[in-house]
């Protein structure tokens, strides 16, 4: 995956598992809001916002932080052998 930047729209690999109806609701689509540094570990974090509301998962356009290395990691092929997307999140 190429480097991500503020404002990019990304999709999580689990979007591939959705029905067309759920894809139309933007499930698993996020906007990159920024980057942060953990105050104690100095780990780089990605700050991103869900572009959907999913009451079943208690997600209402929520804002999240995830370690950059995890965000940019490849999909676990042993756990998800049928996923075509290479990386956990990819720019769309």
N, C-alpha and C. Protein backbone atom coordinates (compact mmCIF):
# COMPACT_ATOMS: atom_id res chain seq x y z
N UNK A 1 0.85 -1.18 0.00
CA UNK A 1 0.00 0.00 0.00
C UNK A 1 0.89 1.23 0.00
N UNK A 2 0.51 2.19 -0.79
CA UNK A 2 1.26 3.44 -0.78
C UNK A 2 0.99 4.17 0.53
N UNK A 3 1.81 5.12 0.82
CA UNK A 3 1.64 5.88 2.06
C UNK A 3 0.27 6.55 2.06
N UNK A 4 -0.32 6.62 3.22
CA UNK A 4 -1.61 7.29 3.35
C UNK A 4 -1.38 8.72 3.81
N UNK A 5 -2.37 9.55 3.52
CA UNK A 5 -2.25 10.95 3.92
C UNK A 5 -3.59 11.44 4.46
N UNK A 6 -3.55 12.52 5.16
CA UNK A 6 -4.76 13.12 5.72
C UNK A 6 -5.74 13.40 4.59
N UNK A 7 -6.99 13.00 4.81
CA UNK A 7 -8.05 13.20 3.82
C UNK A 7 -8.32 11.99 2.96
N UNK A 8 -7.40 11.02 2.92
CA UNK A 8 -7.62 9.81 2.13
C UNK A 8 -8.83 9.05 2.66
N UNK A 9 -9.56 8.43 1.74
CA UNK A 9 -10.62 7.49 2.10
C UNK A 9 -10.03 6.10 1.93
N UNK A 10 -10.24 5.27 2.95
CA UNK A 10 -9.70 3.92 2.92
C UNK A 10 -10.82 2.93 3.21
N UNK A 11 -10.61 1.70 2.75
CA UNK A 11 -11.55 0.64 3.08
C UNK A 11 -10.83 -0.47 3.81
N UNK A 12 -11.52 -1.04 4.77
CA UNK A 12 -11.01 -2.19 5.51
C UNK A 12 -11.26 -3.43 4.67
N UNK A 13 -10.38 -4.41 4.76
CA UNK A 13 -10.50 -5.60 3.92
C UNK A 13 -11.82 -6.35 4.13
N UNK A 14 -12.44 -6.25 5.29
CA UNK A 14 -13.69 -6.97 5.54
C UNK A 14 -14.84 -6.43 4.70
N UNK A 15 -14.62 -5.30 4.05
CA UNK A 15 -15.66 -4.76 3.15
C UNK A 15 -15.98 -5.77 2.05
N UNK A 16 -14.99 -6.57 1.66
CA UNK A 16 -15.22 -7.60 0.63
C UNK A 16 -16.29 -8.61 1.03
N UNK A 17 -16.51 -8.78 2.31
CA UNK A 17 -17.46 -9.79 2.79
C UNK A 17 -18.89 -9.29 2.84
N UNK A 18 -19.11 -8.02 2.53
CA UNK A 18 -20.43 -7.41 2.66
C UNK A 18 -21.33 -7.65 1.46
N UNK A 19 -22.62 -7.57 1.71
CA UNK A 19 -23.60 -7.60 0.63
C UNK A 19 -23.56 -6.25 -0.09
N UNK A 20 -24.03 -6.20 -1.33
CA UNK A 20 -24.09 -4.91 -2.04
C UNK A 20 -24.89 -3.85 -1.25
N UNK A 21 -25.91 -4.28 -0.55
CA UNK A 21 -26.73 -3.35 0.24
C UNK A 21 -25.89 -2.71 1.36
N UNK A 22 -25.09 -3.51 2.04
CA UNK A 22 -24.25 -2.97 3.10
C UNK A 22 -23.10 -2.14 2.55
N UNK A 23 -22.58 -2.50 1.39
CA UNK A 23 -21.55 -1.67 0.77
C UNK A 23 -22.08 -0.28 0.45
N UNK A 24 -23.34 -0.22 0.05
CA UNK A 24 -23.96 1.08 -0.28
C UNK A 24 -24.06 1.97 0.95
N UNK A 25 -24.02 1.38 2.14
CA UNK A 25 -24.08 2.15 3.39
C UNK A 25 -22.69 2.61 3.84
N UNK A 26 -21.68 2.36 3.02
CA UNK A 26 -20.30 2.75 3.32
C UNK A 26 -19.70 1.99 4.50
N UNK A 27 -20.25 0.81 4.83
CA UNK A 27 -19.65 0.03 5.91
C UNK A 27 -18.19 -0.24 5.59
N UNK A 28 -17.35 -0.13 6.60
CA UNK A 28 -15.90 -0.36 6.52
C UNK A 28 -15.17 0.64 5.63
N UNK A 29 -15.74 1.85 5.49
CA UNK A 29 -15.06 2.93 4.79
C UNK A 29 -14.73 4.01 5.83
N UNK A 30 -13.51 4.52 5.76
CA UNK A 30 -13.01 5.45 6.76
C UNK A 30 -12.27 6.61 6.10
N UNK A 31 -12.21 7.73 6.82
CA UNK A 31 -11.45 8.90 6.37
C UNK A 31 -10.27 9.09 7.32
N UNK A 32 -9.10 9.30 6.74
CA UNK A 32 -7.90 9.56 7.54
C UNK A 32 -7.97 11.01 8.04
N UNK A 33 -8.00 11.18 9.36
CA UNK A 33 -8.08 12.52 9.96
C UNK A 33 -6.72 13.07 10.33
N UNK A 34 -5.80 12.19 10.66
CA UNK A 34 -4.48 12.67 11.05
C UNK A 34 -3.62 11.55 11.60
N UNK A 35 -2.51 11.97 12.16
CA UNK A 35 -1.55 11.05 12.75
C UNK A 35 -1.18 11.60 14.12
N UNK A 36 -0.83 10.72 15.03
CA UNK A 36 -0.46 11.13 16.38
C UNK A 36 0.70 10.27 16.85
N UNK A 37 1.32 10.73 17.92
CA UNK A 37 2.39 9.98 18.57
C UNK A 37 1.95 9.65 19.98
N UNK A 38 2.00 8.38 20.33
CA UNK A 38 1.65 7.95 21.69
C UNK A 38 2.61 8.64 22.66
N UNK A 39 2.07 9.24 23.69
CA UNK A 39 2.90 10.05 24.59
C UNK A 39 3.94 9.26 25.36
N UNK A 40 3.69 7.99 25.61
CA UNK A 40 4.64 7.21 26.41
C UNK A 40 5.52 6.30 25.57
N UNK A 41 4.93 5.66 24.55
CA UNK A 41 5.71 4.70 23.77
C UNK A 41 6.33 5.32 22.53
N UNK A 42 5.86 6.51 22.16
CA UNK A 42 6.28 7.21 20.94
C UNK A 42 5.85 6.49 19.67
N UNK A 43 4.95 5.52 19.81
CA UNK A 43 4.44 4.79 18.65
C UNK A 43 3.60 5.72 17.79
N UNK A 44 3.74 5.60 16.48
CA UNK A 44 2.95 6.40 15.54
C UNK A 44 1.56 5.79 15.42
N UNK A 45 0.55 6.65 15.47
CA UNK A 45 -0.85 6.22 15.39
C UNK A 45 -1.54 6.87 14.21
N UNK A 46 -2.51 6.17 13.64
CA UNK A 46 -3.38 6.71 12.59
C UNK A 46 -4.70 7.07 13.26
N UNK A 47 -5.19 8.27 13.02
CA UNK A 47 -6.47 8.71 13.54
C UNK A 47 -7.44 8.73 12.36
N UNK A 48 -8.54 8.00 12.50
CA UNK A 48 -9.46 7.87 11.37
C UNK A 48 -10.90 7.82 11.83
N UNK A 49 -11.82 8.17 10.92
CA UNK A 49 -13.23 8.24 11.26
C UNK A 49 -14.04 7.33 10.36
N UNK A 50 -14.94 6.57 10.98
CA UNK A 50 -15.87 5.74 10.22
C UNK A 50 -16.82 6.66 9.44
N UNK A 51 -17.11 6.29 8.22
CA UNK A 51 -18.05 7.06 7.40
C UNK A 51 -19.40 6.36 7.33
N UNK A 52 -19.76 5.71 8.45
CA UNK A 52 -21.02 4.98 8.51
C UNK A 52 -21.52 4.87 9.94
N UNK A 53 -22.79 4.53 10.04
CA UNK A 53 -23.44 4.27 11.31
C UNK A 53 -23.86 2.80 11.31
N UNK A 54 -23.43 2.06 12.32
CA UNK A 54 -23.81 0.65 12.45
C UNK A 54 -24.14 0.38 13.91
N UNK A 55 -25.41 0.54 14.28
CA UNK A 55 -25.81 0.35 15.68
C UNK A 55 -25.45 -1.03 16.23
N UNK A 56 -25.42 -2.05 15.39
CA UNK A 56 -25.11 -3.40 15.86
C UNK A 56 -23.68 -3.50 16.39
N UNK A 57 -22.80 -2.60 15.93
CA UNK A 57 -21.41 -2.59 16.38
C UNK A 57 -21.09 -1.34 17.19
N UNK A 58 -22.15 -0.59 17.52
CA UNK A 58 -21.99 0.64 18.30
C UNK A 58 -21.03 1.62 17.62
N UNK A 59 -21.14 1.71 16.31
CA UNK A 59 -20.32 2.65 15.54
C UNK A 59 -21.24 3.71 14.94
N UNK A 60 -21.03 4.95 15.33
CA UNK A 60 -21.83 6.05 14.82
C UNK A 60 -20.87 7.14 14.36
N UNK A 61 -20.27 6.91 13.19
CA UNK A 61 -19.30 7.84 12.63
C UNK A 61 -18.17 8.09 13.63
N UNK A 62 -17.80 7.04 14.36
CA UNK A 62 -16.81 7.14 15.42
C UNK A 62 -15.42 7.47 14.92
N UNK A 63 -14.63 7.99 15.82
CA UNK A 63 -13.23 8.31 15.54
C UNK A 63 -12.36 7.33 16.31
N UNK A 64 -11.37 6.76 15.61
CA UNK A 64 -10.55 5.70 16.16
C UNK A 64 -9.07 6.00 15.98
N UNK A 65 -8.25 5.34 16.77
CA UNK A 65 -6.79 5.40 16.64
C UNK A 65 -6.28 3.97 16.58
N UNK A 66 -5.33 3.74 15.70
CA UNK A 66 -4.73 2.42 15.55
C UNK A 66 -3.25 2.61 15.27
N UNK A 67 -2.40 1.75 15.81
CA UNK A 67 -0.98 1.86 15.51
C UNK A 67 -0.75 1.83 13.99
N UNK A 68 0.11 2.72 13.54
CA UNK A 68 0.40 2.85 12.11
C UNK A 68 0.82 1.51 11.50
N UNK A 69 1.72 0.80 12.17
CA UNK A 69 2.21 -0.46 11.62
C UNK A 69 1.08 -1.48 11.46
N UNK A 70 0.17 -1.52 12.40
CA UNK A 70 -0.98 -2.42 12.30
C UNK A 70 -1.90 -1.97 11.17
N UNK A 71 -2.14 -0.67 11.10
CA UNK A 71 -3.02 -0.11 10.07
C UNK A 71 -2.51 -0.47 8.67
N UNK A 72 -1.20 -0.42 8.50
CA UNK A 72 -0.58 -0.64 7.19
C UNK A 72 -0.23 -2.11 6.93
N UNK A 73 -0.56 -3.00 7.84
CA UNK A 73 -0.15 -4.40 7.70
C UNK A 73 -0.96 -5.14 6.64
N UNK A 74 -0.40 -6.25 6.20
CA UNK A 74 -1.08 -7.11 5.23
C UNK A 74 -2.16 -7.94 5.91
N UNK A 75 -3.15 -8.33 5.13
CA UNK A 75 -4.22 -9.20 5.62
C UNK A 75 -3.61 -10.56 5.98
N UNK A 76 -4.06 -11.13 7.08
CA UNK A 76 -3.62 -12.44 7.52
C UNK A 76 -4.24 -13.50 6.60
N UNK A 77 -3.44 -14.05 5.69
CA UNK A 77 -3.92 -15.02 4.69
C UNK A 77 -4.33 -16.36 5.29
N UNK A 78 -3.78 -16.70 6.44
CA UNK A 78 -4.20 -17.95 7.08
C UNK A 78 -5.60 -17.81 7.65
N UNK A 79 -5.89 -16.68 8.22
CA UNK A 79 -7.19 -16.44 8.84
C UNK A 79 -8.25 -16.05 7.80
N UNK A 80 -7.84 -15.33 6.75
CA UNK A 80 -8.76 -14.85 5.72
C UNK A 80 -8.24 -15.23 4.34
N UNK A 81 -8.27 -16.52 3.97
CA UNK A 81 -7.67 -16.97 2.72
C UNK A 81 -8.36 -16.47 1.44
N UNK A 82 -9.63 -16.09 1.54
CA UNK A 82 -10.38 -15.71 0.34
C UNK A 82 -10.41 -14.20 0.08
N UNK A 83 -9.81 -13.42 0.94
CA UNK A 83 -9.80 -11.96 0.77
C UNK A 83 -8.83 -11.59 -0.34
N UNK A 84 -9.27 -10.75 -1.27
CA UNK A 84 -8.43 -10.33 -2.39
C UNK A 84 -7.55 -9.12 -2.04
N UNK A 85 -8.05 -8.26 -1.15
CA UNK A 85 -7.32 -7.06 -0.77
C UNK A 85 -6.02 -7.47 -0.09
N UNK A 86 -4.92 -6.82 -0.44
CA UNK A 86 -3.61 -7.21 0.10
C UNK A 86 -3.37 -6.67 1.51
N UNK A 87 -3.79 -5.43 1.75
CA UNK A 87 -3.52 -4.78 3.03
C UNK A 87 -4.79 -4.62 3.85
N UNK A 88 -4.61 -4.51 5.16
CA UNK A 88 -5.74 -4.35 6.08
C UNK A 88 -6.61 -3.16 5.65
N UNK A 89 -5.99 -2.03 5.35
CA UNK A 89 -6.68 -0.84 4.84
C UNK A 89 -6.04 -0.43 3.53
N UNK A 90 -6.86 -0.05 2.56
CA UNK A 90 -6.34 0.44 1.29
C UNK A 90 -7.10 1.68 0.85
N UNK A 91 -6.37 2.60 0.24
CA UNK A 91 -6.97 3.83 -0.28
C UNK A 91 -7.93 3.48 -1.41
N UNK A 92 -9.10 4.15 -1.40
CA UNK A 92 -10.07 3.94 -2.48
C UNK A 92 -10.26 5.21 -3.27
